[in-house]
Amino acid sequence: ALKGFMASYEKCDKAITDLSASGGDDRQNKAGDAAADLSAKAFLRLSSLIKNDSELMDQALAVADLARRELDSRRFSRSEIKKKDAGLAKLAEEARVLTGKRQAAYARFQELAGAH
C-alpha cells in the first residue's frame, strides 16, 4: 500500500509540474486523473505493526488533499489567464504556497514511512 501511494504521488507531482509548465486540456486531464488516483490510494490500510500507522494514514490523506487543492488552484489560474484577469499574481502565489505545503506533507509522510 505504501509503495503504491508513493508511486501515485510521484506521478501526480510530475503531472502537476507539467501542467504548471505548459498547460492544455490533455495535461489538465492527466493531472486530474493523477490527483484522483492519489486520493484513492491515500485511503491506506496498514498493519498495526507499522510504527505511527495512524499518523502515517492521516498524512497520506493530507498529501492527497493538498494535491487536489493545488490542482484546483492551478486550474482556476489557467482559466483566469484566458480571461486576462489582473489577480494572477495572487493566484500564482496561492499555487506556489500549496506546492510547498504538499511537498512538506509528503516529506513528512516519507519520514513516517521510514523512506528517508
PDB file of N, CA and C in Angstrom:
ATOM      1  N   ALA A   1       0.823  -1.197   0.000  1.00  0.00           N
ATOM      2  CA  ALA A   1       0.000   0.000   0.000  1.00  0.00           C
ATOM      3  C   ALA A   1       0.865   1.259   0.000  1.00  0.00           C
ATOM      4  N   LEU A   2       1.940   1.240   0.772  1.00  0.00           N
ATOM      5  CA  LEU A   2       2.814   2.423   0.841  1.00  0.00           C
ATOM      6  C   LEU A   2       3.491   2.689  -0.497  1.00  0.00           C
ATOM      7  N   LYS A   3       4.015   1.638  -1.107  1.00  0.00           N
ATOM      8  CA  LYS A   3       4.709   1.823  -2.394  1.00  0.00           C
ATOM      9  C   LYS A   3       3.742   2.306  -3.471  1.00  0.00           C
ATOM     10  N   GLY A   4       2.510   1.806  -3.451  1.00  0.00           N
ATOM     11  CA  GLY A   4       1.508   2.256  -4.414  1.00  0.00           C
ATOM     12  C   GLY A   4       1.173   3.727  -4.231  1.00  0.00           C
ATOM     13  N   PHE A   5       1.047   4.156  -2.980  1.00  0.00           N
ATOM     14  CA  PHE A   5       0.773   5.561  -2.706  1.00  0.00           C
ATOM     15  C   PHE A   5       1.948   6.425  -3.153  1.00  0.00           C
ATOM     16  N   MET A   6       3.157   5.972  -2.834  1.00  0.00           N
ATOM     17  CA  MET A   6       4.345   6.754  -3.189  1.00  0.00           C
ATOM     18  C   MET A   6       4.505   6.866  -4.704  1.00  0.00           C
ATOM     19  N   ALA A   7       4.246   5.787  -5.426  1.00  0.00           N
ATOM     20  CA  ALA A   7       4.321   5.839  -6.890  1.00  0.00           C
ATOM     21  C   ALA A   7       3.244   6.767  -7.445  1.00  0.00           C
ATOM     22  N   SER A   8       2.064   6.723  -6.852  1.00  0.00           N
ATOM     23  CA  SER A   8       0.975   7.596  -7.280  1.00  0.00           C
ATOM     24  C   SER A   8       1.316   9.056  -7.012  1.00  0.00           C
ATOM     25  N   TYR A   9       1.964   9.321  -5.872  1.00  0.00           N
ATOM     26  CA  TYR A   9       2.375  10.692  -5.561  1.00  0.00           C
ATOM     27  C   TYR A   9       3.359  11.202  -6.611  1.00  0.00           C
ATOM     28  N   GLU A  10       4.345  10.391  -6.937  1.00  0.00           N
ATOM     29  CA  GLU A  10       5.356  10.811  -7.920  1.00  0.00           C
ATOM     30  C   GLU A  10       4.699  11.124  -9.267  1.00  0.00           C
ATOM     31  N   LYS A  11       3.743  10.303  -9.664  1.00  0.00           N
ATOM     32  CA  LYS A  11       3.015  10.526 -10.921  1.00  0.00           C
ATOM     33  C   LYS A  11       2.214  11.832 -10.847  1.00  0.00           C
ATOM     34  N   CYS A  12       1.561  12.061  -9.718  1.00  0.00           N
ATOM     35  CA  CYS A  12       0.762  13.273  -9.537  1.00  0.00           C
ATOM     36  C   CYS A  12       1.667  14.509  -9.518  1.00  0.00           C
ATOM     37  N   ASP A  13       2.778  14.410  -8.820  1.00  0.00           N
ATOM     38  CA  ASP A  13       3.733  15.523  -8.752  1.00  0.00           C
ATOM     39  C   ASP A  13       4.202  15.907 -10.153  1.00  0.00           C
ATOM     40  N   LYS A  14       4.550  14.914 -10.951  1.00  0.00           N
ATOM     41  CA  LYS A  14       5.002  15.185 -12.325  1.00  0.00           C
ATOM     42  C   LYS A  14       3.886  15.803 -13.159  1.00  0.00           C
ATOM     43  N   ALA A  15       2.670  15.283 -13.018  1.00  0.00           N
ATOM     44  CA  ALA A  15       1.544  15.804 -13.806  1.00  0.00           C
ATOM     45  C   ALA A  15       1.246  17.255 -13.445  1.00  0.00           C
ATOM     46  N   ILE A  16       1.304  17.594 -12.162  1.00  0.00           N
ATOM     47  CA  ILE A  16       1.054  18.978 -11.740  1.00  0.00           C
ATOM     48  C   ILE A  16       2.184  19.883 -12.211  1.00  0.00           C
ATOM     49  N   THR A  17       3.408  19.393 -12.129  1.00  0.00           N
ATOM     50  CA  THR A  17       4.559  20.172 -12.612  1.00  0.00           C
ATOM     51  C   THR A  17       4.437  20.425 -14.112  1.00  0.00           C
ATOM     52  N   ASP A  18       4.082  19.396 -14.865  1.00  0.00           N
ATOM     53  CA  ASP A  18       3.903  19.548 -16.313  1.00  0.00           C
ATOM     54  C   ASP A  18       2.787  20.541 -16.625  1.00  0.00           C
ATOM     55  N   LEU A  19       1.702  20.479 -15.863  1.00  0.00           N
ATOM     56  CA  LEU A  19       0.584  21.393 -16.072  1.00  0.00           C
ATOM     57  C   LEU A  19       1.008  22.831 -15.801  1.00  0.00           C
ATOM     58  N   SER A  20       1.785  23.039 -14.733  1.00  0.00           N
ATOM     59  CA  SER A  20       2.185  24.405 -14.406  1.00  0.00           C
ATOM     60  C   SER A  20       3.195  24.948 -15.413  1.00  0.00           C
ATOM     61  N   ALA A  21       3.987  24.058 -16.026  1.00  0.00           N
ATOM     62  CA  ALA A  21       4.975  24.497 -17.013  1.00  0.00           C
ATOM     63  C   ALA A  21       4.315  24.921 -18.317  1.00  0.00           C
ATOM     64  N   SER A  22       3.398  24.115 -18.788  1.00  0.00           N
ATOM     65  CA  SER A  22       2.657  24.459 -20.003  1.00  0.00           C
ATOM     66  C   SER A  22       1.385  23.633 -20.011  1.00  0.00           C
ATOM     67  N   GLY A  23       0.305  24.313 -19.853  1.00  0.00           N
ATOM     68  CA  GLY A  23      -0.974  23.629 -19.714  1.00  0.00           C
ATOM     69  C   GLY A  23      -1.560  23.178 -21.024  1.00  0.00           C
ATOM     70  N   GLY A  24      -2.763  22.861 -20.960  1.00  0.00           N
ATOM     71  CA  GLY A  24      -3.517  22.352 -22.086  1.00  0.00           C
ATOM     72  C   GLY A  24      -4.509  21.360 -21.533  1.00  0.00           C
ATOM     73  N   ASP A  25      -5.537  21.101 -22.301  1.00  0.00           N
ATOM     74  CA  ASP A  25      -6.579  20.205 -21.819  1.00  0.00           C
ATOM     75  C   ASP A  25      -6.047  18.807 -21.520  1.00  0.00           C
ATOM     76  N   ASP A  26      -5.129  18.316 -22.360  1.00  0.00           N
ATOM     77  CA  ASP A  26      -4.606  16.974 -22.124  1.00  0.00           C
ATOM     78  C   ASP A  26      -3.795  16.905 -20.830  1.00  0.00           C
ATOM     79  N   ARG A  27      -2.991  17.915 -20.561  1.00  0.00           N
ATOM     80  CA  ARG A  27      -2.211  17.937 -19.317  1.00  0.00           C
ATOM     81  C   ARG A  27      -3.111  18.161 -18.112  1.00  0.00           C
ATOM     82  N   GLN A  28      -4.152  18.952 -18.302  1.00  0.00           N
ATOM     83  CA  GLN A  28      -5.097  19.189 -17.224  1.00  0.00           C
ATOM     84  C   GLN A  28      -5.838  17.894 -16.881  1.00  0.00           C
ATOM     85  N   ASN A  29      -6.238  17.155 -17.905  1.00  0.00           N
ATOM     86  CA  ASN A  29      -6.904  15.871 -17.684  1.00  0.00           C
ATOM     87  C   ASN A  29      -5.966  14.866 -17.023  1.00  0.00           C
ATOM     88  N   LYS A  30      -4.727  14.838 -17.477  1.00  0.00           N
ATOM     89  CA  LYS A  30      -3.736  13.925 -16.915  1.00  0.00           C
ATOM     90  C   LYS A  30      -3.491  14.243 -15.435  1.00  0.00           C
ATOM     91  N   ALA A  31      -3.377  15.522 -15.114  1.00  0.00           N
ATOM     92  CA  ALA A  31      -3.171  15.929 -13.719  1.00  0.00           C
ATOM     93  C   ALA A  31      -4.389  15.581 -12.871  1.00  0.00           C
ATOM     94  N   GLY A  32      -5.573  15.780 -13.422  1.00  0.00           N
ATOM     95  CA  GLY A  32      -6.794  15.432 -12.704  1.00  0.00           C
ATOM     96  C   GLY A  32      -6.885  13.942 -12.428  1.00  0.00           C
ATOM     97  N   ASP A  33      -6.533  13.142 -13.419  1.00  0.00           N
ATOM     98  CA  ASP A  33      -6.539  11.685 -13.240  1.00  0.00           C
ATOM     99  C   ASP A  33      -5.518  11.259 -12.189  1.00  0.00           C
ATOM    100  N   ALA A  34      -4.338  11.872 -12.241  1.00  0.00           N
ATOM    101  CA  ALA A  34      -3.287  11.533 -11.274  1.00  0.00           C
ATOM    102  C   ALA A  34      -3.695  11.931  -9.856  1.00  0.00           C
ATOM    103  N   ALA A  35      -4.331  13.088  -9.702  1.00  0.00           N
ATOM    104  CA  ALA A  35      -4.794  13.522  -8.375  1.00  0.00           C
ATOM    105  C   ALA A  35      -5.899  12.606  -7.857  1.00  0.00           C
ATOM    106  N   ALA A  36      -6.778  12.161  -8.736  1.00  0.00           N
ATOM    107  CA  ALA A  36      -7.847  11.242  -8.329  1.00  0.00           C
ATOM    108  C   ALA A  36      -7.256   9.900  -7.890  1.00  0.00           C
ATOM    109  N   ASP A  37      -6.262   9.414  -8.615  1.00  0.00           N
ATOM    110  CA  ASP A  37      -5.606   8.164  -8.245  1.00  0.00           C
ATOM    111  C   ASP A  37      -4.902   8.304  -6.897  1.00  0.00           C
ATOM    112  N   LEU A  38      -4.240   9.438  -6.688  1.00  0.00           N
ATOM    113  CA  LEU A  38      -3.565   9.692  -5.419  1.00  0.00           C
ATOM    114  C   LEU A  38      -4.578   9.704  -4.275  1.00  0.00           C
ATOM    115  N   SER A  39      -5.704  10.356  -4.492  1.00  0.00           N
ATOM    116  CA  SER A  39      -6.746  10.402  -3.458  1.00  0.00           C
ATOM    117  C   SER A  39      -7.250   9.003  -3.125  1.00  0.00           C
ATOM    118  N   ALA A  40      -7.446   8.192  -4.145  1.00  0.00           N
ATOM    119  CA  ALA A  40      -7.923   6.819  -3.918  1.00  0.00           C
ATOM    120  C   ALA A  40      -6.900   6.007  -3.128  1.00  0.00           C
ATOM    121  N   LYS A  41      -5.635   6.180  -3.448  1.00  0.00           N
ATOM    122  CA  LYS A  41      -4.589   5.412  -2.768  1.00  0.00           C
ATOM    123  C   LYS A  41      -4.262   5.976  -1.394  1.00  0.00           C
ATOM    124  N   ALA A  42      -4.754   7.166  -1.081  1.00  0.00           N
ATOM    125  CA  ALA A  42      -4.491   7.775   0.227  1.00  0.00           C
ATOM    126  C   ALA A  42      -5.240   7.058   1.342  1.00  0.00           C
ATOM    127  N   PHE A  43      -6.268   6.314   0.983  1.00  0.00           N
ATOM    128  CA  PHE A  43      -7.021   5.567   1.984  1.00  0.00           C
ATOM    129  C   PHE A  43      -6.298   4.255   2.263  1.00  0.00           C
ATOM    130  N   LEU A  44      -5.128   4.391   2.889  1.00  0.00           N
ATOM    131  CA  LEU A  44      -4.273   3.253   3.173  1.00  0.00           C
ATOM    132  C   LEU A  44      -4.854   2.390   4.279  1.00  0.00           C
ATOM    133  N   ARG A  45      -4.676   1.130   4.130  1.00  0.00           N
ATOM    134  CA  ARG A  45      -4.994   0.191   5.217  1.00  0.00           C
ATOM    135  C   ARG A  45      -3.680  -0.470   5.586  1.00  0.00           C
ATOM    136  N   LEU A  46      -3.171  -0.102   6.746  1.00  0.00           N
ATOM    137  CA  LEU A  46      -1.863  -0.585   7.152  1.00  0.00           C
ATOM    138  C   LEU A  46      -1.970  -1.535   8.328  1.00  0.00           C
ATOM    139  N   SER A  47      -1.017  -2.384   8.413  1.00  0.00           N
ATOM    140  CA  SER A  47      -0.910  -3.282   9.556  1.00  0.00           C
ATOM    141  C   SER A  47      -0.581  -2.449  10.785  1.00  0.00           C
ATOM    142  N   SER A  48      -1.082  -2.866  11.912  1.00  0.00           N
ATOM    143  CA  SER A  48      -0.770  -2.143  13.147  1.00  0.00           C
ATOM    144  C   SER A  48       0.676  -2.383  13.568  1.00  0.00           C
ATOM    145  N   LEU A  49       1.400  -3.173  12.803  1.00  0.00           N
ATOM    146  CA  LEU A  49       2.805  -3.409  13.103  1.00  0.00           C
ATOM    147  C   LEU A  49       3.693  -2.244  12.657  1.00  0.00           C
ATOM    148  N   ILE A  50       3.138  -1.353  11.836  1.00  0.00           N
ATOM    149  CA  ILE A  50       3.905  -0.205  11.355  1.00  0.00           C
ATOM    150  C   ILE A  50       3.845   0.891  12.411  1.00  0.00           C
ATOM    151  N   LYS A  51       5.013   1.357  12.807  1.00  0.00           N
ATOM    152  CA  LYS A  51       5.092   2.426  13.789  1.00  0.00           C
ATOM    153  C   LYS A  51       4.414   3.678  13.232  1.00  0.00           C
ATOM    154  N   ASN A  52       3.676   4.371  14.038  1.00  0.00           N
ATOM    155  CA  ASN A  52       2.986   5.612  13.641  1.00  0.00           C
ATOM    156  C   ASN A  52       1.959   5.388  12.540  1.00  0.00           C
ATOM    157  N   ASP A  53       1.343   4.206  12.473  1.00  0.00           N
ATOM    158  CA  ASP A  53       0.446   3.895  11.362  1.00  0.00           C
ATOM    159  C   ASP A  53      -0.717   4.870  11.255  1.00  0.00           C
ATOM    160  N   SER A  54      -1.280   5.287  12.359  1.00  0.00           N
ATOM    161  CA  SER A  54      -2.411   6.222  12.315  1.00  0.00           C
ATOM    162  C   SER A  54      -1.975   7.573  11.759  1.00  0.00           C
ATOM    163  N   GLU A  55      -0.849   8.064  12.240  1.00  0.00           N
ATOM    164  CA  GLU A  55      -0.339   9.354  11.758  1.00  0.00           C
ATOM    165  C   GLU A  55       0.052   9.263  10.283  1.00  0.00           C
ATOM    166  N   LEU A  56       0.608   8.128   9.897  1.00  0.00           N
ATOM    167  CA  LEU A  56       1.003   7.916   8.509  1.00  0.00           C
ATOM    168  C   LEU A  56      -0.216   7.944   7.589  1.00  0.00           C
ATOM    169  N   MET A  57      -1.289   7.286   8.006  1.00  0.00           N
ATOM    170  CA  MET A  57      -2.511   7.283   7.197  1.00  0.00           C
ATOM    171  C   MET A  57      -3.102   8.683   7.109  1.00  0.00           C
ATOM    172  N   ASP A  58      -3.096   9.421   8.226  1.00  0.00           N
ATOM    173  CA  ASP A  58      -3.592  10.801   8.219  1.00  0.00           C
ATOM    174  C   ASP A  58      -2.749  11.677   7.298  1.00  0.00           C
ATOM    175  N   GLN A  59      -1.443  11.461   7.320  1.00  0.00           N
ATOM    176  CA  GLN A  59      -0.540  12.251   6.481  1.00  0.00           C
ATOM    177  C   GLN A  59      -0.790  11.964   5.005  1.00  0.00           C
ATOM    178  N   ALA A  60      -1.066  10.718   4.656  1.00  0.00           N
ATOM    179  CA  ALA A  60      -1.372  10.370   3.266  1.00  0.00           C
ATOM    180  C   ALA A  60      -2.620  11.119   2.798  1.00  0.00           C
ATOM    181  N   LEU A  61      -3.629  11.175   3.647  1.00  0.00           N
ATOM    182  CA  LEU A  61      -4.850  11.913   3.302  1.00  0.00           C
ATOM    183  C   LEU A  61      -4.561  13.404   3.141  1.00  0.00           C
ATOM    184  N   ALA A  62      -3.707  13.951   4.010  1.00  0.00           N
ATOM    185  CA  ALA A  62      -3.351  15.371   3.921  1.00  0.00           C
ATOM    186  C   ALA A  62      -2.613  15.662   2.615  1.00  0.00           C
ATOM    187  N   VAL A  63      -1.700  14.779   2.227  1.00  0.00           N
ATOM    188  CA  VAL A  63      -0.956  14.950   0.972  1.00  0.00           C
ATOM    189  C   VAL A  63      -1.928  14.971  -0.210  1.00  0.00           C
ATOM    190  N   ALA A  64      -2.845  14.024  -0.228  1.00  0.00           N
ATOM    191  CA  ALA A  64      -3.816  13.944  -1.335  1.00  0.00           C
ATOM    192  C   ALA A  64      -4.706  15.181  -1.372  1.00  0.00           C
ATOM    193  N   ASP A  65      -5.124  15.661  -0.205  1.00  0.00           N
ATOM    194  CA  ASP A  65      -5.969  16.857  -0.150  1.00  0.00           C
ATOM    195  C   ASP A  65      -5.212  18.077  -0.669  1.00  0.00           C
ATOM    196  N   LEU A  66      -3.963  18.231  -0.259  1.00  0.00           N
ATOM    197  CA  LEU A  66      -3.166  19.362  -0.738  1.00  0.00           C
ATOM    198  C   LEU A  66      -2.932  19.279  -2.246  1.00  0.00           C
ATOM    199  N   ALA A  67      -2.706  18.086  -2.768  1.00  0.00           N
ATOM    200  CA  ALA A  67      -2.527  17.925  -4.220  1.00  0.00           C
ATOM    201  C   ALA A  67      -3.791  18.345  -4.953  1.00  0.00           C
ATOM    202  N   ARG A  68      -4.947  17.930  -4.431  1.00  0.00           N
ATOM    203  CA  ARG A  68      -6.223  18.300  -5.061  1.00  0.00           C
ATOM    204  C   ARG A  68      -6.423  19.813  -5.005  1.00  0.00           C
ATOM    205  N   ARG A  69      -6.135  20.426  -3.859  1.00  0.00           N
ATOM    206  CA  ARG A  69      -6.296  21.878  -3.735  1.00  0.00           C
ATOM    207  C   ARG A  69      -5.332  22.631  -4.643  1.00  0.00           C
ATOM    208  N   GLU A  70      -4.105  22.135  -4.741  1.00  0.00           N
ATOM    209  CA  GLU A  70      -3.120  22.766  -5.623  1.00  0.00           C
ATOM    210  C   GLU A  70      -3.577  22.669  -7.076  1.00  0.00           C
ATOM    211  N   LEU A  71      -4.057  21.508  -7.471  1.00  0.00           N
ATOM    212  CA  LEU A  71      -4.534  21.332  -8.838  1.00  0.00           C
ATOM    213  C   LEU A  71      -5.717  22.249  -9.112  1.00  0.00           C
ATOM    214  N   ASP A  72      -6.656  22.335  -8.177  1.00  0.00           N
ATOM    215  CA  ASP A  72      -7.797  23.249  -8.337  1.00  0.00           C
ATOM    216  C   ASP A  72      -7.324  24.682  -8.513  1.00  0.00           C
ATOM    217  N   SER A  73      -6.333  25.079  -7.718  1.00  0.00           N
ATOM    218  CA  SER A  73      -5.791  26.435  -7.802  1.00  0.00           C
ATOM    219  C   SER A  73      -5.149  26.680  -9.168  1.00  0.00           C
ATOM    220  N   ARG A  74      -4.390  25.712  -9.633  1.00  0.00           N
ATOM    221  CA  ARG A  74      -3.736  25.869 -10.948  1.00  0.00           C
ATOM    222  C   ARG A  74      -4.763  25.892 -12.080  1.00  0.00           C
ATOM    223  N   ARG A  75      -5.800  25.075 -11.968  1.00  0.00           N
ATOM    224  CA  ARG A  75      -6.862  25.095 -12.981  1.00  0.00           C
ATOM    225  C   ARG A  75      -7.556  26.455 -13.003  1.00  0.00           C
ATOM    226  N   PHE A  76      -7.854  26.987 -11.828  1.00  0.00           N
ATOM    227  CA  PHE A  76      -8.502  28.283 -11.743  1.00  0.00           C
ATOM    228  C   PHE A  76      -7.594  29.371 -12.319  1.00  0.00           C
ATOM    229  N   SER A  77      -6.298  29.290 -12.003  1.00  0.00           N
ATOM    230  CA  SER A  77      -5.337  30.254 -12.549  1.00  0.00           C
ATOM    231  C   SER A  77      -5.337  30.221 -14.066  1.00  0.00           C
ATOM    232  N   ARG A  78      -5.381  29.016 -14.637  1.00  0.00           N
ATOM    233  CA  ARG A  78      -5.373  28.893 -16.091  1.00  0.00           C
ATOM    234  C   ARG A  78      -6.624  29.512 -16.698  1.00  0.00           C
ATOM    235  N   SER A  79      -7.764  29.326 -16.026  1.00  0.00           N
ATOM    236  CA  SER A  79      -8.993  29.920 -16.561  1.00  0.00           C
ATOM    237  C   SER A  79      -8.945  31.441 -16.462  1.00  0.00           C
ATOM    238  N   GLU A  80      -8.304  31.956 -15.417  1.00  0.00           N
ATOM    239  CA  GLU A  80      -8.179  33.406 -15.262  1.00  0.00           C
ATOM    240  C   GLU A  80      -7.189  33.986 -16.276  1.00  0.00           C
ATOM    241  N   ILE A  81      -6.171  33.212 -16.622  1.00  0.00           N
ATOM    242  CA  ILE A  81      -5.215  33.662 -17.646  1.00  0.00           C
ATOM    243  C   ILE A  81      -5.962  33.875 -18.958  1.00  0.00           C
ATOM    244  N   LYS A  82      -6.851  32.951 -19.266  1.00  0.00           N
ATOM    245  CA  LYS A  82      -7.620  33.073 -20.503  1.00  0.00           C
ATOM    246  C   LYS A  82      -8.495  34.314 -20.486  1.00  0.00           C
ATOM    247  N   LYS A  83      -8.948  34.718 -19.298  1.00  0.00           N
ATOM    248  CA  LYS A  83      -9.775  35.914 -19.162  1.00  0.00           C
ATOM    249  C   LYS A  83      -8.922  37.179 -19.030  1.00  0.00           C
ATOM    250  N   LYS A  84      -7.620  36.967 -18.857  1.00  0.00           N
ATOM    251  CA  LYS A  84      -6.672  38.067 -18.660  1.00  0.00           C
ATOM    252  C   LYS A  84      -7.003  38.860 -17.391  1.00  0.00           C
ATOM    253  N   ASP A  85      -7.276  38.130 -16.327  1.00  0.00           N
ATOM    254  CA  ASP A  85      -7.599  38.726 -15.028  1.00  0.00           C
ATOM    255  C   ASP A  85      -6.331  39.300 -14.391  1.00  0.00           C
ATOM    256  N   ALA A  86      -6.469  40.442 -13.738  1.00  0.00           N
ATOM    257  CA  ALA A  86      -5.332  41.120 -13.113  1.00  0.00           C
ATOM    258  C   ALA A  86      -4.916  40.453 -11.804  1.00  0.00           C
ATOM    259  N   GLY A  87      -5.697  39.556 -11.238  1.00  0.00           N
ATOM    260  CA  GLY A  87      -5.372  38.912  -9.967  1.00  0.00           C
ATOM    261  C   GLY A  87      -4.485  37.687 -10.108  1.00  0.00           C
ATOM    262  N   LEU A  88      -3.783  37.581 -11.224  1.00  0.00           N
ATOM    263  CA  LEU A  88      -2.981  36.391 -11.485  1.00  0.00           C
ATOM    264  C   LEU A  88      -1.824  36.229 -10.511  1.00  0.00           C
ATOM    265  N   ALA A  89      -1.230  37.313 -10.071  1.00  0.00           N
ATOM    266  CA  ALA A  89      -0.104  37.214  -9.146  1.00  0.00           C
ATOM    267  C   ALA A  89      -0.540  36.560  -7.838  1.00  0.00           C
ATOM    268  N   LYS A  90      -1.708  36.925  -7.361  1.00  0.00           N
ATOM    269  CA  LYS A  90      -2.231  36.337  -6.131  1.00  0.00           C
ATOM    270  C   LYS A  90      -2.501  34.840  -6.323  1.00  0.00           C
ATOM    271  N   LEU A  91      -3.086  34.481  -7.459  1.00  0.00           N
ATOM    272  CA  LEU A  91      -3.365  33.079  -7.744  1.00  0.00           C
ATOM    273  C   LEU A  91      -2.075  32.266  -7.883  1.00  0.00           C
ATOM    274  N   ALA A  92      -1.086  32.837  -8.520  1.00  0.00           N
ATOM    275  CA  ALA A  92       0.194  32.149  -8.673  1.00  0.00           C
ATOM    276  C   ALA A  92       0.852  31.936  -7.320  1.00  0.00           C
ATOM    277  N   GLU A  93       0.753  32.918  -6.450  1.00  0.00           N
ATOM    278  CA  GLU A  93       1.321  32.794  -5.110  1.00  0.00           C
ATOM    279  C   GLU A  93       0.584  31.713  -4.315  1.00  0.00           C
ATOM    280  N   GLU A  94      -0.724  31.663  -4.438  1.00  0.00           N
ATOM    281  CA  GLU A  94      -1.514  30.635  -3.751  1.00  0.00           C
ATOM    282  C   GLU A  94      -1.088  29.244  -4.206  1.00  0.00           C
ATOM    283  N   ALA A  95      -0.919  29.070  -5.501  1.00  0.00           N
ATOM    284  CA  ALA A  95      -0.493  27.774  -6.039  1.00  0.00           C
ATOM    285  C   ALA A  95       0.911  27.427  -5.546  1.00  0.00           C
ATOM    286  N   ARG A  96       1.792  28.426  -5.492  1.00  0.00           N
ATOM    287  CA  ARG A  96       3.163  28.193  -5.015  1.00  0.00           C
ATOM    288  C   ARG A  96       3.161  27.757  -3.554  1.00  0.00           C
ATOM    289  N   VAL A  97       2.340  28.394  -2.734  1.00  0.00           N
ATOM    290  CA  VAL A  97       2.241  28.044  -1.321  1.00  0.00           C
ATOM    291  C   VAL A  97       1.703  26.618  -1.164  1.00  0.00           C
ATOM    292  N   LEU A  98       0.686  26.283  -1.944  1.00  0.00           N
ATOM    293  CA  LEU A  98       0.129  24.932  -1.876  1.00  0.00           C
ATOM    294  C   LEU A  98       1.150  23.890  -2.319  1.00  0.00           C
ATOM    295  N   THR A  99       1.954  24.215  -3.319  1.00  0.00           N
ATOM    296  CA  THR A  99       3.012  23.295  -3.753  1.00  0.00           C
ATOM    297  C   THR A  99       3.971  23.029  -2.600  1.00  0.00           C
ATOM    298  N   GLY A 100       4.382  24.084  -1.927  1.00  0.00           N
ATOM    299  CA  GLY A 100       5.292  23.933  -0.787  1.00  0.00           C
ATOM    300  C   GLY A 100       4.683  23.104   0.327  1.00  0.00           C
ATOM    301  N   LYS A 101       3.421  23.343   0.621  1.00  0.00           N
ATOM    302  CA  LYS A 101       2.738  22.576   1.669  1.00  0.00           C
ATOM    303  C   LYS A 101       2.621  21.106   1.280  1.00  0.00           C
ATOM    304  N   ARG A 102       2.282  20.853   0.012  1.00  0.00           N
ATOM    305  CA  ARG A 102       2.161  19.477  -0.458  1.00  0.00           C
ATOM    306  C   ARG A 102       3.496  18.763  -0.359  1.00  0.00           C
ATOM    307  N   GLN A 103       4.561  19.420  -0.783  1.00  0.00           N
ATOM    308  CA  GLN A 103       5.881  18.804  -0.746  1.00  0.00           C
ATOM    309  C   GLN A 103       6.336  18.548   0.694  1.00  0.00           C
ATOM    310  N   ALA A 104       6.040  19.481   1.595  1.00  0.00           N
ATOM    311  CA  ALA A 104       6.387  19.299   3.001  1.00  0.00           C
ATOM    312  C   ALA A 104       5.577  18.153   3.620  1.00  0.00           C
ATOM    313  N   ALA A 105       4.312  18.067   3.269  1.00  0.00           N
ATOM    314  CA  ALA A 105       3.467  16.986   3.789  1.00  0.00           C
ATOM    315  C   ALA A 105       3.967  15.636   3.289  1.00  0.00           C
ATOM    316  N   TYR A 106       4.395  15.584   2.043  1.00  0.00           N
ATOM    317  CA  TYR A 106       4.908  14.325   1.500  1.00  0.00           C
ATOM    318  C   TYR A 106       6.242  13.963   2.149  1.00  0.00           C
ATOM    319  N   ALA A 107       7.079  14.941   2.415  1.00  0.00           N
ATOM    320  CA  ALA A 107       8.338  14.674   3.098  1.00  0.00           C
ATOM    321  C   ALA A 107       8.073  14.097   4.493  1.00  0.00           C
ATOM    322  N   ARG A 108       7.061  14.613   5.177  1.00  0.00           N
ATOM    323  CA  ARG A 108       6.680  14.074   6.493  1.00  0.00           C
ATOM    324  C   ARG A 108       6.151  12.656   6.337  1.00  0.00           C
ATOM    325  N   PHE A 109       5.345  12.417   5.299  1.00  0.00           N
ATOM    326  CA  PHE A 109       4.845  11.069   5.034  1.00  0.00           C
ATOM    327  C   PHE A 109       6.028  10.105   4.851  1.00  0.00           C
ATOM    328  N   GLN A 110       7.004  10.497   4.059  1.00  0.00           N
ATOM    329  CA  GLN A 110       8.169   9.644   3.822  1.00  0.00           C
ATOM    330  C   GLN A 110       8.920   9.372   5.123  1.00  0.00           C
ATOM    331  N   GLU A 111       9.032  10.402   5.949  1.00  0.00           N
ATOM    332  CA  GLU A 111       9.708  10.248   7.236  1.00  0.00           C
ATOM    333  C   GLU A 111       8.968   9.210   8.098  1.00  0.00           C
ATOM    334  N   LEU A 112       7.660   9.338   8.161  1.00  0.00           N
ATOM    335  CA  LEU A 112       6.858   8.406   8.951  1.00  0.00           C
ATOM    336  C   LEU A 112       6.925   6.989   8.397  1.00  0.00           C
ATOM    337  N   ALA A 113       7.008   6.881   7.080  1.00  0.00           N
ATOM    338  CA  ALA A 113       7.062   5.571   6.430  1.00  0.00           C
ATOM    339  C   ALA A 113       8.453   4.955   6.491  1.00  0.00           C
ATOM    340  N   GLY A 114       9.429   5.741   6.952  1.00  0.00           N
ATOM    341  CA  GLY A 114      10.795   5.238   7.015  1.00  0.00           C
ATOM    342  C   GLY A 114      11.483   5.229   5.670  1.00  0.00           C
ATOM    343  N   ALA A 115      10.949   6.018   4.738  1.00  0.00           N
ATOM    344  CA  ALA A 115      11.519   6.066   3.391  1.00  0.00           C
ATOM    345  C   ALA A 115      12.726   6.980   3.324  1.00  0.00           C
ATOM    346  N   HIS A 116      12.904   7.826   4.316  1.00  0.00           N
ATOM    347  CA  HIS A 116      14.077   8.717   4.343  1.00  0.00           C
ATOM    348  C   HIS A 116      14.761   8.629   5.664  1.00  0.00           C
TER     349      HIS A 116
END
